[in-house]
C-alpha atoms as a PDB file:
ATOM      1  CA  UNK A   1     125.666 298.203  81.122  1.00  0.00           C
ATOM      2  CA  UNK A   2     128.587 295.916  79.469  1.00  0.00           C
ATOM      3  CA  UNK A   3     129.763 295.977  76.224  1.00  0.00           C
ATOM      4  CA  UNK A   4     130.082 292.493  74.670  1.00  0.00           C
ATOM      5  CA  UNK A   5     133.978 292.790  75.019  1.00  0.00           C
ATOM      6  CA  UNK A   6     134.011 293.584  78.177  1.00  0.00           C
ATOM      7  CA  UNK A   7     131.269 290.742  79.508  1.00  0.00           C
ATOM      8  CA  UNK A   8     133.336 288.298  77.484  1.00  0.00           C
ATOM      9  CA  UNK A   9     136.373 289.508  79.628  1.00  0.00           C
ATOM     10  CA  UNK A  10     134.167 289.695  82.697  1.00  0.00           C
ATOM     11  CA  UNK A  11     133.497 285.578  82.615  1.00  0.00           C
ATOM     12  CA  UNK A  12     136.509 284.400  81.730  1.00  0.00           C
ATOM     13  CA  UNK A  13     137.639 286.401  84.772  1.00  0.00           C
ATOM     14  CA  UNK A  14     134.868 284.843  86.935  1.00  0.00           C
ATOM     15  CA  UNK A  15     135.607 281.256  85.649  1.00  0.00           C
ATOM     16  CA  UNK A  16     139.174 281.837  86.086  1.00  0.00           C
ATOM     17  CA  UNK A  17     139.132 283.230  89.433  1.00  0.00           C
ATOM     18  CA  UNK A  18     136.235 280.451  90.572  1.00  0.00           C
ATOM     19  CA  UNK A  19     138.771 277.595  88.858  1.00  0.00           C
ATOM     20  CA  UNK A  20     142.104 279.055  91.015  1.00  0.00           C
ATOM     21  CA  UNK A  21     139.349 278.964  93.923  1.00  0.00           C
ATOM     22  CA  UNK A  22     139.080 275.200  93.707  1.00  0.00           C
ATOM     23  CA  UNK A  23     142.289 275.002  92.641  1.00  0.00           C
ATOM     24  CA  UNK A  24     144.082 276.920  95.686  1.00  0.00           C
ATOM     25  CA  UNK A  25     141.744 274.917  98.184  1.00  0.00           C
ATOM     26  CA  UNK A  26     142.959 271.469  97.184  1.00  0.00           C
ATOM     27  CA  UNK A  27     146.379 272.669  97.954  1.00  0.00           C
ATOM     28  CA  UNK A  28     145.479 274.295 101.253  1.00  0.00           C
ATOM     29  CA  UNK A  29     144.265 270.175 101.698  1.00  0.00           C
ATOM     30  CA  UNK A  30     147.250 268.799 100.292  1.00  0.00           C
ATOM     31  CA  UNK A  31     149.599 271.371 102.367  1.00  0.00           C
ATOM     32  CA  UNK A  32     147.357 271.056 105.756  1.00  0.00           C
ATOM     33  CA  UNK A  33     147.555 266.784 105.492  1.00  0.00           C
ATOM     34  CA  UNK A  34     151.474 267.405 104.825  1.00  0.00           C
ATOM     35  CA  UNK A  35     151.503 269.217 108.052  1.00  0.00           C
ATOM     36  CA  UNK A  36     152.442 272.185 106.246  1.00  0.00           C
ATOM     37  CA  UNK A  37     150.526 274.793 108.538  1.00  0.00           C
ATOM     38  CA  UNK A  38     151.572 278.509 106.782  1.00  0.00           C
ATOM     39  CA  UNK A  39     151.321 277.296 103.684  1.00  0.00           C
ATOM     40  CA  UNK A  40     147.501 275.887 104.020  1.00  0.00           C
ATOM     41  CA  UNK A  41     146.723 278.462 105.460  1.00  0.00           C
ATOM     42  CA  UNK A  42     148.506 280.972 102.818  1.00  0.00           C
ATOM     43  CA  UNK A  43     146.650 278.927 100.424  1.00  0.00           C
ATOM     44  CA  UNK A  44     143.518 278.885 102.043  1.00  0.00           C
ATOM     45  CA  UNK A  45     143.079 282.366 102.336  1.00  0.00           C
ATOM     46  CA  UNK A  46     144.330 283.167  98.776  1.00  0.00           C
ATOM     47  CA  UNK A  47     141.234 280.846  97.841  1.00  0.00           C
ATOM     48  CA  UNK A  48     138.705 282.997  99.646  1.00  0.00           C
ATOM     49  CA  UNK A  49     140.274 286.208  97.940  1.00  0.00           C
ATOM     50  CA  UNK A  50     140.227 284.457  94.137  1.00  0.00           C
ATOM     51  CA  UNK A  51     136.040 284.062  95.728  1.00  0.00           C
ATOM     52  CA  UNK A  52     136.095 287.471  96.448  1.00  0.00           C
ATOM     53  CA  UNK A  53     137.423 288.332  92.966  1.00  0.00           C
ATOM     54  CA  UNK A  54     134.611 285.984  91.229  1.00  0.00           C
ATOM     55  CA  UNK A  55     131.475 287.084  92.711  1.00  0.00           C
ATOM     56  CA  UNK A  56     132.376 291.024  92.454  1.00  0.00           C
ATOM     57  CA  UNK A  57     133.008 289.701  88.097  1.00  0.00           C
ATOM     58  CA  UNK A  58     129.712 287.668  88.412  1.00  0.00           C
ATOM     59  CA  UNK A  59     128.098 290.580  89.830  1.00  0.00           C
ATOM     60  CA  UNK A  60     129.705 293.272  87.646  1.00  0.00           C
ATOM     61  CA  UNK A  61     128.468 290.862  84.301  1.00  0.00           C
ATOM     62  CA  UNK A  62     124.667 291.634  85.950  1.00  0.00           C
ATOM     63  CA  UNK A  63     124.732 287.447  85.992  1.00  0.00           C
ATOM     64  CA  UNK A  64     122.549 287.629  89.236  1.00  0.00           C
ATOM     65  CA  UNK A  65     119.145 287.474  88.520  1.00  0.00           C
ATOM     66  CA  UNK A  66     115.906 287.205  90.922  1.00  0.00           C
ATOM     67  CA  UNK A  67     115.923 283.770  93.057  1.00  0.00           C
ATOM     68  CA  UNK A  68     113.258 282.175  90.796  1.00  0.00           C
ATOM     69  CA  UNK A  69     115.488 283.148  87.581  1.00  0.00           C
ATOM     70  CA  UNK A  70     118.737 281.500  89.455  1.00  0.00           C
ATOM     71  CA  UNK A  71     117.175 278.365  90.539  1.00  0.00           C
ATOM     72  CA  UNK A  72     115.976 277.755  86.691  1.00  0.00           C
ATOM     73  CA  UNK A  73     119.114 278.870  85.539  1.00  0.00           C
ATOM     74  CA  UNK A  74     120.686 276.147  88.510  1.00  0.00           C
ATOM     75  CA  UNK A  75     118.408 273.746  86.922  1.00  0.00           C
ATOM     76  CA  UNK A  76     119.680 274.248  83.512  1.00  0.00           C
ATOM     77  CA  UNK A  77     122.927 274.037  83.989  1.00  0.00           C
ATOM     78  CA  UNK A  78     122.447 270.477  86.519  1.00  0.00           C
ATOM     79  CA  UNK A  79     120.540 269.053  83.883  1.00  0.00           C
ATOM     80  CA  UNK A  80     123.147 269.683  81.193  1.00  0.00           C
ATOM     81  CA  UNK A  81     125.808 268.339  83.223  1.00  0.00           C
ATOM     82  CA  UNK A  82     124.152 264.817  83.983  1.00  0.00           C
ATOM     83  CA  UNK A  83     122.480 264.732  81.131  1.00  0.00           C
ATOM     84  CA  UNK A  84     125.155 265.155  78.675  1.00  0.00           C
ATOM     85  CA  UNK A  85     128.664 266.626  80.025  1.00  0.00           C
ATOM     86  CA  UNK A  86     129.060 263.613  82.571  1.00  0.00           C
ATOM     87  CA  UNK A  87     128.004 260.603  80.354  1.00  0.00           C
ATOM     88  CA  UNK A  88     130.144 261.834  77.614  1.00  0.00           C
ATOM     89  CA  UNK A  89     132.936 262.253  79.846  1.00  0.00           C
ATOM     90  CA  UNK A  90     132.649 258.659  81.079  1.00  0.00           C
ATOM     91  CA  UNK A  91     132.606 257.224  78.130  1.00  0.00           C
ATOM     92  CA  UNK A  92     136.061 258.581  77.137  1.00  0.00           C
ATOM     93  CA  UNK A  93     137.474 257.653  80.554  1.00  0.00           C
ATOM     94  CA  UNK A  94     135.527 253.861  80.117  1.00  0.00           C
ATOM     95  CA  UNK A  95     137.068 253.649  76.992  1.00  0.00           C
ATOM     96  CA  UNK A  96     140.576 254.371  78.063  1.00  0.00           C
ATOM     97  CA  UNK A  97     140.360 252.271  80.981  1.00  0.00           C
ATOM     98  CA  UNK A  98     141.262 255.468  83.724  1.00  0.00           C
ATOM     99  CA  UNK A  99     139.071 254.327  86.273  1.00  0.00           C
ATOM    100  CA  UNK A 100     139.910 257.087  88.801  1.00  0.00           C
ATOM    101  CA  UNK A 101     138.572 259.085  86.451  1.00  0.00           C
ATOM    102  CA  UNK A 102     135.359 257.186  85.856  1.00  0.00           C
ATOM    103  CA  UNK A 103     134.483 256.978  89.483  1.00  0.00           C
ATOM    104  CA  UNK A 104     134.730 260.727  89.695  1.00  0.00           C
ATOM    105  CA  UNK A 105     132.481 261.552  86.678  1.00  0.00           C
ATOM    106  CA  UNK A 106     129.784 258.514  88.045  1.00  0.00           C
ATOM    107  CA  UNK A 107     129.196 260.267  91.137  1.00  0.00           C
ATOM    108  CA  UNK A 108     129.421 263.845  89.729  1.00  0.00           C
ATOM    109  CA  UNK A 109     126.875 262.597  87.202  1.00  0.00           C
ATOM    110  CA  UNK A 110     124.638 260.657  89.781  1.00  0.00           C
ATOM    111  CA  UNK A 111     125.427 264.114  92.146  1.00  0.00           C
ATOM    112  CA  UNK A 112     123.987 266.097  89.661  1.00  0.00           C
ATOM    113  CA  UNK A 113     121.187 264.669  88.747  1.00  0.00           C
ATOM    114  CA  UNK A 114     119.985 265.070  92.374  1.00  0.00           C
ATOM    115  CA  UNK A 115     121.254 268.739  92.572  1.00  0.00           C
ATOM    116  CA  UNK A 116     118.640 269.146  89.546  1.00  0.00           C
ATOM    117  CA  UNK A 117     115.545 267.665  91.356  1.00  0.00           C
ATOM    118  CA  UNK A 118     116.448 269.701  94.688  1.00  0.00           C
ATOM    119  CA  UNK A 119     116.863 272.956  92.599  1.00  0.00           C
ATOM    120  CA  UNK A 120     113.514 272.212  90.300  1.00  0.00           C
ATOM    121  CA  UNK A 121     111.652 271.420  94.096  1.00  0.00           C
ATOM    122  CA  UNK A 122     113.072 274.688  95.370  1.00  0.00           C
ATOM    123  CA  UNK A 123     111.684 276.599  92.083  1.00  0.00           C
ATOM    124  CA  UNK A 124     108.069 274.711  92.696  1.00  0.00           C
ATOM    125  CA  UNK A 125     108.111 275.645  96.532  1.00  0.00           C
ATOM    126  CA  UNK A 126     109.901 279.156  96.122  1.00  0.00           C
ATOM    127  CA  UNK A 127     107.067 280.673  98.679  1.00  0.00           C
ATOM    128  CA  UNK A 128     107.337 277.968 101.310  1.00  0.00           C
ATOM    129  CA  UNK A 129     108.398 279.804 104.448  1.00  0.00           C
ATOM    130  CA  UNK A 130     108.710 275.869 106.360  1.00  0.00           C
ATOM    131  CA  UNK A 131     112.263 275.708 106.754  1.00  0.00           C
ATOM    132  CA  UNK A 132     114.545 272.510 104.784  1.00  0.00           C
ATOM    133  CA  UNK A 133     117.343 271.067 105.892  1.00  0.00           C
ATOM    134  CA  UNK A 134     120.398 269.724 103.560  1.00  0.00           C
ATOM    135  CA  UNK A 135     122.747 267.037 103.834  1.00  0.00           C
ATOM    136  CA  UNK A 136     126.104 267.220 101.618  1.00  0.00           C
ATOM    137  CA  UNK A 137     128.149 263.911 101.291  1.00  0.00           C
ATOM    138  CA  UNK A 138     131.325 265.591 101.490  1.00  0.00           C
ATOM    139  CA  UNK A 139     132.883 262.407  99.495  1.00  0.00           C
ATOM    140  CA  UNK A 140     130.599 263.001  96.364  1.00  0.00           C
ATOM    141  CA  UNK A 141     128.745 265.467  96.548  1.00  0.00           C
ATOM    142  CA  UNK A 142     124.848 264.284  97.010  1.00  0.00           C
ATOM    143  CA  UNK A 143     122.699 266.501  98.720  1.00  0.00           C
ATOM    144  CA  UNK A 144     120.059 265.040 101.015  1.00  0.00           C
ATOM    145  CA  UNK A 145     116.871 266.446 102.737  1.00  0.00           C
ATOM    146  CA  UNK A 146     117.512 264.157 105.755  1.00  0.00           C
ATOM    147  CA  UNK A 147     120.693 262.664 107.095  1.00  0.00           C
ATOM    148  CA  UNK A 148     120.368 258.984 105.601  1.00  0.00           C
ATOM    149  CA  UNK A 149     122.823 256.044 107.075  1.00  0.00           C
ATOM    150  CA  UNK A 150     124.843 255.886 103.544  1.00  0.00           C
ATOM    151  CA  UNK A 151     125.113 258.126 100.534  1.00  0.00           C
ATOM    152  CA  UNK A 152     123.144 256.493  98.014  1.00  0.00           C
ATOM    153  CA  UNK A 153     125.979 256.981  95.163  1.00  0.00           C
ATOM    154  CA  UNK A 154     129.150 256.870  96.858  1.00  0.00           C
ATOM    155  CA  UNK A 155     128.380 254.608 100.146  1.00  0.00           C
ATOM    156  CA  UNK A 156     130.052 256.950 102.488  1.00  0.00           C
ATOM    157  CA  UNK A 157     128.609 257.076 106.287  1.00  0.00           C
ATOM    158  CA  UNK A 158     125.576 259.269 107.062  1.00  0.00           C
ATOM    159  CA  UNK A 159     127.498 260.383 109.845  1.00  0.00           C
ATOM    160  CA  UNK A 160     129.961 262.186 107.682  1.00  0.00           C
ATOM    161  CA  UNK A 161     127.241 264.577 106.018  1.00  0.00           C
ATOM    162  CA  UNK A 162     127.795 267.647 106.704  1.00  0.00           C
ATOM    163  CA  UNK A 163     124.289 269.269 107.417  1.00  0.00           C
ATOM    164  CA  UNK A 164     122.754 273.130 105.733  1.00  0.00           C
END
């Protein structure tokens, strides 16, 4: 059993390691685009190491529950993001005239709404044995159950979608 302080530390460590994972992934992609293969590989390895740390902290914090509970948590998180968080972020970006932020917040907000619906659907059909395929837009993060001709959120070609 974790004390409140240790739980707080585990969750802070989880957040920090999770952010480092994404940051190093971005750095790896940039290094690769610049032809700096050794730096790209190091950043990718470090990104994977940070994922290992984050997942262990999350596990020790006892935050991984049953699949039904995890799906419910995911629905709630995605609902918060598209209903509250991103609308506020979008409003500020619009007021400031930051069009790049407006675009990224809009795409994320729309994709999070789709994610929430997909999680709810998965929760409602948890015991379904028929396998479902998902297609991820690598540009905006939209997820579809059928590969589209083009992304309904950002317009990326369906041929770019990644199948899961």
